[in-house]
Amino acid sequence: MAQPATTSRTAQKKIAGDRRTKDAMSIAKERGLLSGSRTLTVRGRMPSGLVAEAKKKTGIHSDSKLIEAALVNLVVADDYADWLLSQRGTVARDVNLEF
């Protein structure tokens, strides 16, 4: 039986989330951030709904792997949005942007 041509928004978000997580993990691995022994224990109490949604979005089932993925995303995050917002008001209002 053939798969439908369209994918639900939920499925598209999960695919995008999986891709972002894999890309972030790959970057962290290339930078050597995932090498070495695992000697540090990180613990925290989280709302169960937050953890459940994060696991659903990433496809990660292990709490440790989920925390690792979250830390990786913080470290390798693209700062473009912050940079873009910091540029507000740096272009003179009288600049002609018409082509």
N, C-alpha and C. Protein backbone atom coordinates (compact mmCIF):
# COMPACT_ATOMS: atom_id res chain seq x y z
N MET A 1 0.83 -1.17 0.00
CA MET A 1 0.00 0.00 0.00
C MET A 1 0.88 1.24 0.00
N ALA A 2 0.60 2.20 -0.85
CA ALA A 2 1.42 3.40 -1.01
C ALA A 2 1.18 4.36 0.15
N GLN A 3 2.24 5.08 0.54
CA GLN A 3 2.15 6.10 1.57
C GLN A 3 1.50 7.35 0.99
N PRO A 4 0.71 8.08 1.77
CA PRO A 4 0.13 9.32 1.27
C PRO A 4 1.22 10.34 0.95
N ALA A 5 0.96 11.18 -0.04
CA ALA A 5 1.94 12.16 -0.49
C ALA A 5 2.20 13.23 0.56
N THR A 6 1.21 13.55 1.37
CA THR A 6 1.40 14.58 2.39
C THR A 6 1.71 13.94 3.73
N THR A 7 2.48 14.68 4.50
CA THR A 7 2.84 14.23 5.84
C THR A 7 2.20 15.20 6.82
N SER A 8 1.67 14.66 7.91
CA SER A 8 1.02 15.52 8.90
C SER A 8 2.04 16.49 9.50
N ARG A 9 1.54 17.60 10.02
CA ARG A 9 2.42 18.58 10.65
C ARG A 9 3.18 17.99 11.82
N THR A 10 2.50 17.15 12.59
CA THR A 10 3.16 16.51 13.73
C THR A 10 4.32 15.65 13.25
N ALA A 11 4.11 14.87 12.21
CA ALA A 11 5.17 14.03 11.67
C ALA A 11 6.30 14.88 11.10
N GLN A 12 5.97 15.99 10.43
CA GLN A 12 6.98 16.87 9.87
C GLN A 12 7.83 17.48 10.98
N LYS A 13 7.19 17.88 12.09
CA LYS A 13 7.93 18.45 13.21
C LYS A 13 8.86 17.42 13.82
N LYS A 14 8.39 16.15 13.93
CA LYS A 14 9.22 15.10 14.49
C LYS A 14 10.42 14.84 13.60
N ILE A 15 10.21 14.81 12.28
CA ILE A 15 11.31 14.59 11.34
C ILE A 15 12.32 15.72 11.47
N ALA A 16 11.83 16.97 11.51
CA ALA A 16 12.72 18.12 11.65
C ALA A 16 13.46 18.07 12.98
N GLY A 17 12.75 17.70 14.06
CA GLY A 17 13.39 17.59 15.37
C GLY A 17 14.46 16.52 15.38
N ASP A 18 14.17 15.38 14.77
CA ASP A 18 15.16 14.30 14.68
C ASP A 18 16.38 14.77 13.91
N ARG A 19 16.16 15.46 12.80
CA ARG A 19 17.26 15.94 11.95
C ARG A 19 18.11 16.95 12.71
N ARG A 20 17.47 17.89 13.41
CA ARG A 20 18.22 18.89 14.17
C ARG A 20 19.04 18.24 15.27
N THR A 21 18.43 17.28 15.95
CA THR A 21 19.15 16.59 17.03
C THR A 21 20.34 15.83 16.47
N LYS A 22 20.14 15.11 15.38
CA LYS A 22 21.24 14.36 14.76
C LYS A 22 22.34 15.30 14.28
N ASP A 23 21.96 16.41 13.67
CA ASP A 23 22.95 17.38 13.20
C ASP A 23 23.74 17.96 14.36
N ALA A 24 23.05 18.33 15.43
CA ALA A 24 23.73 18.89 16.60
C ALA A 24 24.68 17.87 17.22
N MET A 25 24.23 16.62 17.32
CA MET A 25 25.09 15.57 17.88
C MET A 25 26.32 15.36 16.99
N SER A 26 26.13 15.43 15.69
CA SER A 26 27.24 15.26 14.75
C SER A 26 28.26 16.38 14.91
N ILE A 27 27.79 17.61 15.04
CA ILE A 27 28.69 18.74 15.24
C ILE A 27 29.45 18.59 16.55
N ALA A 28 28.75 18.20 17.60
CA ALA A 28 29.40 18.00 18.90
C ALA A 28 30.45 16.91 18.82
N LYS A 29 30.16 15.85 18.10
CA LYS A 29 31.13 14.76 17.94
C LYS A 29 32.36 15.25 17.19
N GLU A 30 32.14 16.02 16.11
CA GLU A 30 33.26 16.56 15.34
C GLU A 30 34.14 17.47 16.19
N ARG A 31 33.54 18.20 17.13
CA ARG A 31 34.28 19.10 18.00
C ARG A 31 34.93 18.36 19.17
N GLY A 32 34.69 17.06 19.28
CA GLY A 32 35.27 16.28 20.35
C GLY A 32 34.54 16.40 21.67
N LEU A 33 33.34 16.96 21.64
CA LEU A 33 32.60 17.17 22.89
C LEU A 33 31.99 15.89 23.45
N LEU A 34 31.89 14.86 22.65
CA LEU A 34 31.29 13.62 23.12
C LEU A 34 32.34 12.54 23.41
N SER A 35 33.62 12.90 23.30
CA SER A 35 34.67 11.91 23.54
C SER A 35 35.03 11.88 25.02
N GLY A 36 35.73 10.85 25.40
CA GLY A 36 36.15 10.71 26.79
C GLY A 36 35.15 9.92 27.59
N SER A 37 35.54 9.63 28.81
CA SER A 37 34.67 8.84 29.67
C SER A 37 33.55 9.70 30.23
N ARG A 38 32.50 9.05 30.59
CA ARG A 38 31.34 9.73 31.15
C ARG A 38 31.44 9.65 32.68
N THR A 39 32.03 10.70 33.25
CA THR A 39 32.31 10.69 34.68
C THR A 39 31.44 11.65 35.48
N LEU A 40 30.79 12.58 34.81
CA LEU A 40 29.99 13.59 35.49
C LEU A 40 28.53 13.18 35.53
N THR A 41 27.92 13.27 36.70
CA THR A 41 26.49 12.98 36.85
C THR A 41 25.75 14.31 36.94
N VAL A 42 24.74 14.45 36.09
CA VAL A 42 23.91 15.66 36.09
C VAL A 42 22.48 15.22 36.40
N ARG A 43 21.88 15.84 37.40
CA ARG A 43 20.53 15.48 37.79
C ARG A 43 19.67 16.72 37.89
N GLY A 44 18.39 16.51 37.75
CA GLY A 44 17.46 17.62 37.93
C GLY A 44 16.04 17.12 37.92
N ARG A 45 15.18 17.83 38.57
CA ARG A 45 13.76 17.48 38.57
C ARG A 45 13.07 18.31 37.50
N MET A 46 12.34 17.63 36.65
CA MET A 46 11.67 18.27 35.52
C MET A 46 10.19 17.92 35.54
N PRO A 47 9.35 18.78 34.99
CA PRO A 47 7.94 18.44 34.82
C PRO A 47 7.82 17.24 33.87
N SER A 48 7.04 16.25 34.25
CA SER A 48 6.94 15.03 33.45
C SER A 48 6.41 15.32 32.04
N GLY A 49 5.51 16.29 31.91
CA GLY A 49 4.99 16.63 30.59
C GLY A 49 6.07 17.17 29.67
N LEU A 50 6.97 17.98 30.21
CA LEU A 50 8.08 18.54 29.43
C LEU A 50 8.99 17.42 28.93
N VAL A 51 9.33 16.51 29.82
CA VAL A 51 10.21 15.40 29.45
C VAL A 51 9.53 14.52 28.41
N ALA A 52 8.25 14.22 28.60
CA ALA A 52 7.51 13.37 27.66
C ALA A 52 7.48 14.00 26.27
N GLU A 53 7.22 15.31 26.20
CA GLU A 53 7.17 16.00 24.89
C GLU A 53 8.55 16.03 24.25
N ALA A 54 9.60 16.27 25.04
CA ALA A 54 10.96 16.29 24.50
C ALA A 54 11.34 14.92 23.95
N LYS A 55 10.97 13.87 24.66
CA LYS A 55 11.25 12.51 24.18
C LYS A 55 10.47 12.22 22.91
N LYS A 56 9.22 12.66 22.87
CA LYS A 56 8.40 12.43 21.68
C LYS A 56 8.99 13.17 20.48
N LYS A 57 9.40 14.41 20.70
CA LYS A 57 9.92 15.22 19.60
C LYS A 57 11.25 14.70 19.08
N THR A 58 12.11 14.22 19.98
CA THR A 58 13.44 13.78 19.58
C THR A 58 13.51 12.30 19.25
N GLY A 59 12.59 11.52 19.78
CA GLY A 59 12.67 10.07 19.60
C GLY A 59 13.65 9.42 20.56
N ILE A 60 14.15 10.19 21.52
CA ILE A 60 15.09 9.68 22.52
C ILE A 60 14.29 9.12 23.68
N HIS A 61 14.66 7.93 24.14
CA HIS A 61 13.93 7.29 25.23
C HIS A 61 14.68 7.36 26.56
N SER A 62 16.00 7.48 26.50
CA SER A 62 16.82 7.50 27.71
C SER A 62 16.89 8.91 28.29
N ASP A 63 16.70 9.03 29.61
CA ASP A 63 16.82 10.33 30.26
C ASP A 63 18.22 10.91 30.09
N SER A 64 19.24 10.06 30.24
CA SER A 64 20.62 10.53 30.09
C SER A 64 20.89 11.05 28.68
N LYS A 65 20.44 10.31 27.68
CA LYS A 65 20.64 10.73 26.29
C LYS A 65 19.86 12.01 25.99
N LEU A 66 18.69 12.15 26.60
CA LEU A 66 17.89 13.36 26.41
C LEU A 66 18.61 14.58 26.99
N ILE A 67 19.17 14.45 28.18
CA ILE A 67 19.93 15.54 28.79
C ILE A 67 21.15 15.86 27.94
N GLU A 68 21.82 14.82 27.45
CA GLU A 68 22.99 15.02 26.59
C GLU A 68 22.60 15.79 25.33
N ALA A 69 21.50 15.41 24.71
CA ALA A 69 21.04 16.10 23.49
C ALA A 69 20.70 17.56 23.80
N ALA A 70 20.08 17.81 24.94
CA ALA A 70 19.74 19.19 25.32
C ALA A 70 21.01 20.02 25.52
N LEU A 71 22.00 19.46 26.19
CA LEU A 71 23.25 20.18 26.41
C LEU A 71 23.97 20.43 25.08
N VAL A 72 23.97 19.43 24.22
CA VAL A 72 24.59 19.59 22.90
C VAL A 72 23.92 20.72 22.14
N ASN A 73 22.60 20.78 22.18
CA ASN A 73 21.88 21.84 21.48
C ASN A 73 22.24 23.21 22.02
N LEU A 74 22.46 23.33 23.31
CA LEU A 74 22.88 24.60 23.89
C LEU A 74 24.27 25.00 23.41
N VAL A 75 25.15 24.03 23.34
CA VAL A 75 26.55 24.32 22.99
C VAL A 75 26.71 24.64 21.50
N VAL A 76 26.04 23.92 20.65
CA VAL A 76 26.24 24.11 19.20
C VAL A 76 25.16 24.95 18.55
N ALA A 77 24.33 25.59 19.35
CA ALA A 77 23.22 26.38 18.81
C ALA A 77 23.72 27.47 17.89
N ASP A 78 22.95 27.71 16.85
CA ASP A 78 23.22 28.78 15.92
C ASP A 78 22.75 30.08 16.55
N ASP A 79 23.62 31.05 16.64
CA ASP A 79 23.28 32.33 17.27
C ASP A 79 22.76 33.36 16.27
N TYR A 80 22.31 32.92 15.11
CA TYR A 80 21.87 33.83 14.07
C TYR A 80 20.72 34.73 14.53
N ALA A 81 19.75 34.17 15.21
CA ALA A 81 18.60 34.97 15.65
C ALA A 81 19.05 36.10 16.58
N ASP A 82 19.93 35.80 17.51
CA ASP A 82 20.44 36.84 18.40
C ASP A 82 21.21 37.91 17.63
N TRP A 83 22.04 37.46 16.69
CA TRP A 83 22.79 38.41 15.87
C TRP A 83 21.84 39.29 15.06
N LEU A 84 20.85 38.68 14.44
CA LEU A 84 19.91 39.42 13.61
C LEU A 84 19.19 40.49 14.43
N LEU A 85 18.72 40.11 15.61
CA LEU A 85 18.04 41.07 16.47
C LEU A 85 18.97 42.18 16.93
N SER A 86 20.24 41.87 17.11
CA SER A 86 21.21 42.90 17.53
C SER A 86 21.48 43.91 16.42
N GLN A 87 21.13 43.57 15.19
CA GLN A 87 21.36 44.47 14.05
C GLN A 87 20.24 45.49 13.87
N ARG A 88 19.18 45.36 14.63
CA ARG A 88 18.04 46.28 14.51
C ARG A 88 18.50 47.73 14.67
N GLY A 89 18.11 48.54 13.70
CA GLY A 89 18.44 49.96 13.75
C GLY A 89 19.83 50.30 13.25
N THR A 90 20.58 49.35 12.72
CA THR A 90 21.93 49.65 12.26
C THR A 90 21.96 50.10 10.80
N VAL A 91 20.88 49.94 10.06
CA VAL A 91 20.79 50.41 8.69
C VAL A 91 20.01 51.71 8.70
N ALA A 92 20.57 52.74 8.08
CA ALA A 92 19.91 54.04 8.04
C ALA A 92 18.55 53.92 7.37
N ARG A 93 17.58 54.63 7.90
CA ARG A 93 16.21 54.58 7.36
C ARG A 93 16.13 55.10 5.92
N ASP A 94 17.05 55.96 5.52
CA ASP A 94 16.97 56.54 4.17
C ASP A 94 17.70 55.71 3.11
N VAL A 95 18.18 54.54 3.45
CA VAL A 95 18.84 53.67 2.47
C VAL A 95 17.79 53.16 1.49
N ASN A 96 18.09 53.28 0.20
CA ASN A 96 17.17 52.82 -0.85
C ASN A 96 17.40 51.33 -1.07
N LEU A 97 16.43 50.52 -0.71
CA LEU A 97 16.55 49.07 -0.85
C LEU A 97 15.84 48.56 -2.10
N GLU A 98 15.35 49.45 -2.94
CA GLU A 98 14.69 49.03 -4.18
C GLU A 98 15.75 48.63 -5.19
N PHE A 99 15.43 47.60 -5.97
CA PHE A 99 16.39 47.13 -6.98
C PHE A 99 16.05 47.70 -8.30
